[in-house]
Protein backbone atom coordinates (compact mmCIF):
# COMPACT_ATOMS: atom_id res chain seq x y z
CA MET A 1 -5.03 9.06 11.90
CA GLU A 2 -5.28 5.02 12.15
CA PHE A 3 -3.49 5.05 9.10
CA GLU A 4 -0.60 7.00 9.98
CA GLU A 5 -0.25 3.54 12.68
CA TYR A 6 0.79 1.23 9.75
CA ARG A 7 2.66 3.65 7.65
CA PRO A 8 5.57 2.13 8.41
CA MET A 9 4.61 -2.15 8.16
CA LEU A 10 2.95 -0.67 4.72
CA LEU A 11 6.37 0.98 3.17
CA GLY A 12 8.35 -2.00 5.31
CA LEU A 13 5.73 -4.15 1.95
CA ALA A 14 5.70 -2.50 -0.37
CA TYR A 15 9.16 -1.78 -0.56
CA ARG A 16 10.44 -5.75 0.32
CA LEU A 17 8.00 -6.79 -2.61
CA LEU A 18 8.94 -4.00 -4.56
CA GLY A 19 12.52 -3.20 -3.18
CA SER A 20 12.55 -0.16 -4.04
CA MET A 21 11.93 2.61 -1.34
CA TRP A 22 10.76 4.94 -4.50
CA ASP A 23 8.39 2.89 -5.57
CA ALA A 24 7.12 1.69 -2.05
CA GLU A 25 6.65 5.13 -1.20
CA ASP A 26 4.83 5.67 -4.38
CA VAL A 27 2.51 2.94 -3.38
CA VAL A 28 1.67 3.70 0.13
CA GLN A 29 0.30 7.09 -1.59
CA GLU A 30 -2.22 6.38 -3.97
CA ALA A 31 -3.45 3.52 -0.61
CA TRP A 32 -3.67 5.99 1.65
CA LEU A 33 -5.60 8.03 -1.43
CA ARG A 34 -7.68 5.37 -1.64
CA TRP A 35 -7.69 5.34 2.05
CA GLU A 36 -8.99 8.30 2.68
CA GLY A 37 -11.52 7.77 -0.25
CA THR A 38 -13.65 4.90 1.33
CA ASP A 39 -16.16 5.08 4.18
CA GLN A 40 -13.94 3.93 6.77
CA SER A 41 -16.58 2.98 9.04
CA GLU A 42 -17.33 0.47 6.75
CA ILE A 43 -13.60 -1.06 7.19
CA ARG A 44 -13.70 -3.37 9.92
CA GLU A 45 -10.32 -5.08 9.57
CA PRO A 46 -8.07 -2.33 8.42
CA ARG A 47 -4.91 -3.81 9.40
CA ALA A 48 -6.37 -6.24 6.44
CA PHE A 49 -8.02 -4.27 3.81
CA LEU A 50 -4.53 -2.04 3.26
CA LEU A 51 -2.05 -4.35 3.57
CA THR A 52 -4.22 -6.45 0.89
CA VAL A 53 -4.03 -2.42 -1.10
CA VAL A 54 -0.64 -2.36 -0.80
CA SER A 55 0.16 -6.07 -1.97
CA ARG A 56 -2.21 -5.16 -4.80
CA LEU A 57 -0.52 -2.27 -5.45
CA ALA A 58 2.77 -3.09 -5.43
CA LEU A 59 2.24 -6.19 -7.59
CA ASP A 60 1.14 -3.70 -10.58
CA GLN A 61 3.84 -2.26 -10.05
CA LEU A 62 6.49 -5.22 -9.90
CA ARG A 63 4.67 -6.71 -13.42
CA SER A 64 5.89 -3.23 -14.77
CA ALA A 65 9.29 -2.65 -12.79
CA ARG A 66 10.00 -6.33 -14.00
CA VAL A 67 10.10 -4.83 -17.77
CA ARG A 68 12.01 -1.98 -17.04
CA ARG A 69 15.02 -3.86 -14.70
CA GLU A 70 15.70 -6.54 -17.36
CA ALA A 71 16.45 -2.93 -19.96
CA TYR A 72 18.18 -1.58 -16.62
CA THR A 73 22.17 -1.05 -17.95
CA GLY A 74 24.03 -3.80 -16.20
CA PRO A 75 23.14 -5.73 -13.07
CA TRP A 76 20.09 -4.26 -11.02
CA LEU A 77 20.41 -4.12 -7.51
CA PRO A 78 17.83 -3.39 -4.49
CA GLU A 79 18.04 0.42 -2.99
CA PRO A 80 19.31 -0.42 0.13
CA VAL A 81 18.51 1.56 2.97
CA MET A 82 18.98 2.58 6.84
CA THR A 83 17.49 0.29 9.14
CA SER A 84 16.25 2.80 10.82
CA GLU A 85 14.21 3.06 7.87
CA ALA A 86 12.89 -0.11 6.55
CA GLY A 87 9.43 -0.09 8.75
CA PRO A 88 9.49 -3.53 11.66
CA LEU A 89 12.25 -5.58 12.42
CA ASP A 90 10.01 -7.17 15.49
CA THR A 91 11.19 -10.61 14.57
CA ALA A 92 13.32 -13.12 12.83
CA GLU A 93 11.33 -13.44 9.36
CA LEU A 94 11.03 -9.44 9.27
CA ARG A 95 14.78 -9.11 9.96
CA ASP A 96 15.69 -12.37 7.15
CA THR A 97 13.25 -10.36 4.59
CA VAL A 98 14.16 -7.33 4.36
CA SER A 99 17.57 -8.51 3.83
CA TYR A 100 20.47 -7.07 1.22
CA ALA A 101 20.86 -10.51 0.35
CA THR A 102 17.62 -11.74 0.89
CA LEU A 103 15.80 -8.57 -1.38
CA HIS A 104 18.59 -10.00 -4.39
CA LEU A 105 17.20 -13.57 -4.95
CA MET A 106 13.50 -12.69 -4.26
CA GLU A 107 14.22 -11.70 -8.29
CA ARG A 108 14.34 -14.88 -8.95
CA LEU A 109 10.35 -15.12 -7.88
CA SER A 110 7.81 -14.59 -10.16
CA PRO A 111 5.82 -11.46 -8.67
CA PRO A 112 2.90 -13.40 -7.37
CA GLU A 113 5.54 -16.05 -5.54
CA ARG A 114 6.92 -13.05 -4.58
CA ALA A 115 3.81 -11.32 -2.42
CA VAL A 116 3.00 -15.21 -1.63
CA PHE A 117 6.37 -15.24 0.17
CA VAL A 118 6.31 -12.06 1.85
CA LEU A 119 2.55 -11.89 3.77
CA ARG A 120 3.68 -15.74 4.63
CA GLU A 121 7.00 -14.87 5.79
CA ALA A 122 7.14 -11.18 7.18
CA PHE A 123 3.28 -10.73 8.23
CA GLU A 124 1.96 -14.42 9.31
CA LEU A 125 -1.41 -14.13 7.22
CA PRO A 126 -3.19 -17.76 7.10
CA TYR A 127 -3.01 -18.81 2.89
CA ASP A 128 -7.17 -18.01 2.49
CA GLU A 129 -5.96 -13.92 2.53
CA ILE A 130 -3.02 -14.71 0.98
CA ALA A 131 -5.10 -16.71 -1.75
CA GLY A 132 -7.01 -13.55 -2.25
CA ILE A 133 -4.87 -11.15 -2.08
CA VAL A 134 -2.51 -12.19 -5.53
CA GLY A 135 -6.37 -13.91 -7.33
CA THR A 136 -5.35 -17.76 -6.87
CA SER A 137 -6.82 -20.48 -4.62
CA VAL A 138 -6.10 -21.47 -1.02
CA ALA A 139 -3.45 -24.39 -2.67
CA ASN A 140 -1.86 -22.82 -5.65
CA ALA A 141 -0.76 -20.63 -2.26
CA ARG A 142 0.26 -23.45 -0.55
CA GLN A 143 2.86 -24.23 -3.77
CA MET A 144 3.91 -20.83 -4.36
CA HIS A 145 4.87 -20.12 -1.37
CA HIS A 146 6.79 -24.10 -1.38
CA ARG A 147 8.07 -23.41 -4.25
CA ALA A 148 9.68 -19.75 -3.38
CA SER A 149 11.06 -21.40 -0.17
CA ALA A 150 13.29 -23.51 -2.35
CA ARG A 151 14.29 -21.52 -4.81
CA LEU A 152 15.24 -18.96 -1.85
CA ALA A 153 16.54 -22.10 0.81
CA GLN A 154 19.69 -22.43 -3.00
CA GLY A 155 20.55 -18.90 -2.55
CA ARG A 156 21.10 -18.66 1.40
CA ASP A 157 22.73 -20.43 4.63
CA ARG A 158 20.22 -22.20 6.42
CA PHE A 159 22.51 -20.58 9.65
CA GLN A 160 22.56 -16.52 9.21
CA PRO A 161 25.64 -15.34 11.33
CA SER A 162 25.15 -13.01 13.66
CA ALA A 163 25.83 -9.56 13.36
CA ALA A 164 29.13 -9.50 15.83
CA ASP A 165 30.09 -12.08 13.46
CA HIS A 166 29.09 -10.31 9.80
CA THR A 167 30.40 -7.47 11.35
CA LYS A 168 33.60 -8.61 12.04
CA LEU A 169 34.24 -11.09 8.16
CA LEU A 170 32.84 -7.20 6.52
CA THR A 171 35.49 -5.56 8.92
CA LYS A 172 38.31 -7.72 7.76
CA PHE A 173 37.16 -7.51 4.57
CA MET A 174 37.56 -3.41 4.56
CA ASP A 175 40.55 -3.87 6.06
CA ALA A 176 42.37 -5.88 3.64
CA ALA A 177 40.77 -3.75 1.05
CA SER A 178 42.12 -0.43 2.00
CA GLY A 179 45.54 -1.90 2.85
CA GLY A 180 45.83 -3.38 -0.51
CA ASP A 181 46.29 -7.02 1.00
CA LEU A 182 44.80 -9.16 -2.00
CA ALA A 183 45.84 -12.45 -0.03
CA ALA A 184 44.00 -11.26 2.27
CA LEU A 185 41.75 -10.93 1.15
CA THR A 186 41.32 -13.77 -1.46
CA GLU A 187 41.27 -15.63 1.93
CA LEU A 188 37.88 -14.12 3.03
CA LEU A 189 36.22 -14.93 -0.25
CA HIS A 190 34.01 -18.19 -0.99
CA GLU A 191 34.99 -20.45 -3.81
CA ASP A 192 31.68 -19.37 -5.58
CA VAL A 193 31.51 -15.87 -4.67
CA VAL A 194 29.66 -13.22 -6.83
CA ALA A 195 30.59 -10.27 -6.75
CA TYR A 196 27.77 -7.64 -8.74
CA ASN A 197 28.12 -3.54 -9.51
CA ASP A 198 24.85 -1.38 -9.89
CA GLY A 199 26.01 1.70 -11.52
CA GLY A 200 22.85 2.11 -13.59
CA GLY A 201 24.53 3.35 -17.01
CA LYS A 202 25.20 6.37 -14.33
CA VAL A 203 28.83 5.20 -12.90
CA ARG A 204 31.32 2.96 -14.24
CA ALA A 205 30.93 -0.44 -13.21
CA ALA A 206 30.98 -3.87 -13.78
CA LEU A 207 28.26 -4.14 -16.43
CA ARG A 208 28.02 -8.80 -15.25
CA PRO A 209 28.14 -10.09 -12.43
CA ILE A 210 31.71 -11.45 -11.64
CA PHE A 211 31.86 -15.16 -11.09
CA GLY A 212 33.95 -17.06 -8.72
CA ARG A 213 37.04 -16.64 -5.94
CA GLY A 214 40.10 -16.05 -8.51
CA LYS A 215 38.19 -14.05 -10.65
CA VAL A 216 36.26 -11.87 -8.12
CA ALA A 217 39.38 -11.24 -6.59
CA ALA A 218 41.64 -9.57 -10.27
CA PHE A 219 38.44 -8.08 -9.93
CA LEU A 220 39.15 -6.21 -6.29
CA ASP A 221 43.00 -5.98 -7.66
CA GLY A 222 42.23 -3.87 -9.98
CA LEU A 223 40.47 -1.97 -8.33
CA LEU A 224 42.61 -1.10 -5.48
CA SER A 225 45.34 -0.72 -8.13
CA ARG A 226 43.49 2.84 -9.63
CA TYR A 227 41.68 3.48 -6.11
CA ASP A 228 42.11 4.47 -3.24
CA PHE A 229 39.70 2.60 -0.17
CA THR A 230 40.04 4.47 2.48
CA ASP A 231 37.21 6.86 3.24
CA THR A 232 35.05 4.70 4.95
CA GLN A 233 33.00 3.79 7.36
CA LEU A 234 30.68 1.28 8.98
CA ILE A 235 27.05 1.95 8.54
CA GLU A 236 23.21 -0.40 9.41
CA VAL A 237 22.09 -0.82 6.16
CA ASN A 238 18.62 -2.92 5.55
CA GLY A 239 19.31 -4.75 8.89
CA GLN A 240 22.99 -6.21 8.87
CA PRO A 241 26.13 -3.94 8.69
CA ALA A 242 27.13 -2.44 5.19
CA VAL A 243 30.19 -0.03 4.17
CA TRP A 244 29.38 3.07 3.02
CA THR A 245 32.46 4.24 0.86
CA ARG A 246 34.04 6.69 -2.31
CA VAL A 247 35.21 4.95 -5.44
CA GLY A 248 36.76 7.57 -7.24
CA GLU A 249 34.51 10.71 -7.40
CA ASN A 250 31.21 8.25 -6.34
CA ARG A 251 29.86 7.26 -3.80
CA GLN A 252 29.69 3.64 -2.86
CA VAL A 253 27.64 1.27 -0.33
CA VAL A 254 29.02 -2.64 -0.12
CA LEU A 255 27.25 -5.36 2.02
CA ILE A 256 27.91 -9.08 1.77
CA ASP A 257 26.45 -11.71 1.68
CA ILE A 258 28.05 -15.45 4.06
CA HIS A 259 28.04 -18.63 3.79
CA ASP A 260 29.91 -21.21 6.15
CA GLY A 261 31.85 -18.20 7.16
CA LEU A 262 32.88 -17.01 3.77
CA ILE A 263 31.87 -13.98 1.75
CA THR A 264 30.05 -15.61 -1.48
CA GLY A 265 27.61 -12.52 -2.71
CA ILE A 266 29.38 -9.04 -2.68
CA TYR A 267 27.37 -6.43 -3.41
CA GLY A 268 28.55 -2.68 -5.00
CA VAL A 269 25.97 -0.23 -4.78
CA LEU A 270 27.06 2.99 -7.48
CA ASN A 271 23.71 4.05 -8.46
CA PRO A 272 23.02 8.10 -7.12
CA ASP A 273 19.68 7.52 -7.68
CA LYS A 274 19.62 4.59 -4.95
CA LEU A 275 22.23 6.27 -2.77
CA THR A 276 19.86 9.62 -1.08
CA ARG A 277 18.28 7.31 1.54
CA VAL A 278 22.41 6.01 3.01
CA ILE A 279 23.47 8.33 5.24
CA PRO A 280 26.99 7.36 7.24
CA ASN A 281 26.59 9.86 10.75
């Protein structure tokens, strides 16, 4: 069936736009219903048709999701997914736009800016097609892409670490945490590090981001004094290494962002609703 050939790509698109695989699956299912209800013999370019349908459905979802996320308990973080579920990752752009740090940064963008950025960067659509999907002019689509790229560049390292370097730093971080070595842990943190914890009101977690090396180190010290972090496992999430662990009775996935060889972002996802697709071996 032709639709099934495009399903992984469409899920990857919707996930990049929404940061939630649950919502992405709903969007792709609705796109399938529309595909089934259309005379397919009249569709000259199925890929372009389906990209358009999924993008517009996701944009509608994203606009309402932003309202819900503003009322969310604590920081809202994207739903992590195993790399095998993230759709095709054949290019550096596809991998970058599904990385956890990038998904988090894309929350800064307006829904149209996010759609323009993803469609251009990850799926390499020409501006005239993007303009038609988003409902704007070609010139405005170019401007939105420029603005989105500039805003995201403010929070991203120009030179991304290799998978091996990422894994090495993450392993050092977790070894220091499991060993209770606060000094070694602090040395791995960038002075401008930010820690985010997403419990969604269902699991106890910090209700605000924690800024700066000193405050993040103190927060981690508090956790290390209360909980045992020896039950840990490396997994691959969103195209990058991550750590599956437990905090007391709760599961957690920890991801990091790296600038200048140091950890500049720590993302702790504890909301159980967001961990159903992250399964350790």
